[in-house]
Protein backbone atom coordinates (compact mmCIF):
# COMPACT_ATOMS: atom_id res chain seq x y z
CA MET A 1 -7.41 -27.64 -4.34
CA ILE A 2 -5.53 -25.86 -6.79
CA ASP A 3 -1.96 -27.17 -6.70
CA LYS A 4 1.46 -25.73 -6.99
CA LEU A 5 1.75 -25.53 -10.57
CA GLU A 6 -1.72 -23.83 -11.59
CA GLN A 7 -1.28 -21.04 -8.60
CA ILE A 8 2.11 -20.19 -10.08
CA ALA A 9 0.69 -19.87 -13.53
CA LEU A 10 -2.53 -18.01 -12.25
CA ILE A 11 0.26 -15.39 -10.74
CA LYS A 12 2.50 -14.90 -13.30
CA LYS A 13 -0.50 -14.15 -15.82
CA LEU A 14 -1.97 -11.72 -12.98
CA ASN A 15 1.89 -10.12 -13.23
CA GLN A 16 1.54 -9.27 -16.77
CA HIS A 17 -0.58 -6.28 -15.75
CA LYS A 18 0.42 -3.26 -15.44
CA PRO A 19 -1.08 -2.23 -11.93
CA MET A 20 -0.24 -5.36 -10.49
CA PRO A 21 2.48 -4.14 -8.47
CA ILE A 22 0.53 -1.26 -6.77
CA ILE A 23 -2.20 -4.04 -5.70
CA TRP A 24 0.56 -6.27 -3.93
CA TRP A 25 2.18 -3.33 -2.10
CA THR A 26 -1.33 -2.54 -1.34
CA CYS A 27 -2.05 -6.28 -0.21
CA LEU A 28 1.18 -6.02 2.03
CA VAL A 29 0.20 -2.57 3.75
CA LEU A 30 -2.84 -4.38 4.62
CA VAL A 31 -1.72 -7.12 5.72
CA LEU A 32 1.21 -6.30 7.92
CA PRO A 33 -0.83 -4.74 10.73
CA LEU A 34 -3.09 -7.47 10.86
CA LEU A 35 0.29 -9.86 11.33
CA CYS A 36 1.27 -7.57 13.82
CA SER A 37 -1.85 -7.77 15.95
CA LEU A 38 -1.38 -11.18 15.74
CA LEU A 39 2.13 -11.38 17.03
CA ARG A 40 0.72 -8.81 20.05
CA ILE A 41 3.34 -6.15 19.03
CA GLN A 42 2.66 -2.97 20.68
CA THR A 43 0.28 -0.20 19.58
CA ILE A 44 3.49 2.61 19.76
CA TRP A 45 5.73 0.28 17.80
CA ARG A 46 2.90 -0.70 15.31
CA VAL A 47 1.56 2.98 14.46
CA GLY A 48 5.24 4.61 14.84
CA LEU A 49 6.71 1.96 12.80
CA LEU A 50 4.75 0.45 10.37
CA PHE A 51 1.98 3.04 9.64
CA GLY A 52 4.50 5.80 9.98
CA VAL A 53 7.64 4.80 8.67
CA PHE A 54 7.06 1.68 6.08
CA ASN A 55 3.84 2.27 4.89
CA CYS A 56 5.02 6.26 4.29
CA ALA A 57 7.80 4.41 2.04
CA VAL A 58 5.53 1.86 0.53
CA SER A 59 3.18 4.84 -0.91
CA TYR A 60 6.29 6.82 -1.86
CA GLN A 61 7.14 3.57 -3.86
CA VAL A 62 3.87 3.47 -5.14
CA GLY A 63 3.59 6.64 -6.75
CA LYS A 64 6.97 6.48 -8.63
CA LEU A 65 5.59 2.99 -9.84
CA ILE A 66 2.09 5.13 -11.04
CA LYS A 67 4.69 7.23 -13.01
CA THR A 68 6.91 4.50 -14.21
CA HIS A 69 4.02 2.12 -15.68
CA THR A 70 2.04 5.55 -16.88
CA LEU A 71 -1.25 4.64 -14.85
CA LYS A 72 -4.05 6.75 -14.83
CA PRO A 73 -4.17 9.01 -11.89
CA TYR A 74 -7.16 7.40 -9.92
CA TRP A 75 -4.48 4.39 -8.95
CA LEU A 76 -3.39 6.96 -6.48
CA LEU A 77 -6.63 6.47 -4.38
CA PHE A 78 -6.12 2.65 -4.39
CA LEU A 79 -3.94 2.53 -1.31
CA PRO A 80 -5.50 5.13 0.95
CA VAL A 81 -8.74 3.88 0.10
CA CYS A 82 -8.19 0.27 1.13
CA PHE A 83 -6.05 1.56 3.87
CA CYS A 84 -9.48 3.52 5.39
CA LEU A 85 -11.58 0.68 4.69
CA LEU A 86 -9.37 -1.75 6.61
CA VAL A 87 -9.10 1.16 9.65
CA LEU A 88 -12.91 1.22 9.53
CA LEU A 89 -13.25 -2.39 10.07
CA LYS A 90 -10.40 -3.14 12.70
CA TYR A 91 -8.42 -0.02 14.33
CA ALA A 92 -8.89 3.32 15.98
CA LYS A 93 -10.49 6.05 13.89
CA TYR A 94 -7.26 8.33 13.80
CA ASN A 95 -5.75 6.28 11.77
CA LEU A 96 -7.73 7.32 8.96
CA LEU A 97 -5.33 10.32 8.78
CA PHE A 98 -2.68 8.05 7.78
CA GLY A 99 -5.06 7.72 4.52
CA LEU A 100 -4.50 11.01 3.66
CA ILE A 101 -0.43 11.06 4.70
CA TYR A 102 0.05 8.31 1.99
CA LEU A 103 -1.93 10.02 -0.40
CA ILE A 104 0.32 12.61 0.09
CA PHE A 105 3.65 10.65 -0.01
CA GLU A 106 2.25 8.71 -3.36
CA VAL A 107 1.92 12.15 -4.74
CA PHE A 108 5.51 13.09 -4.19
CA GLY A 109 6.51 9.64 -5.43
CA LEU A 110 4.21 10.50 -8.48
CA MET A 111 6.48 13.81 -8.62
CA ASP A 112 10.01 12.16 -8.36
CA ARG A 113 12.41 14.80 -8.32
CA GLN A 114 10.49 17.29 -9.15
CA ILE A 115 9.44 19.17 -6.23
CA TYR A 116 11.14 22.26 -6.51
CA LYS A 117 10.18 22.69 -10.20
């Protein structure tokens, strides 16, 4: 077993890398649907609020993080691809459309107030 101090030191070392906020947000996006299923939250609420609203806000934030940390553009694909893999393993296939929606919101976050230019 790893004790608490070693875990904290490992997390601090991981957080020194630029793409770690994107990885943490993606982990949150992947874990929340599983928690909602375990808590037996109705599908309509899970799809509407979690997939529709919360994950779109997170994907917009990820796009802004990619721009502020000046990461490579392929990081735009990390969240949608991980989400689509989770959907293929667990949920209905119609949720694959959300992967495309998240990619669009990430691009909006990457543009960050330059949509009309």
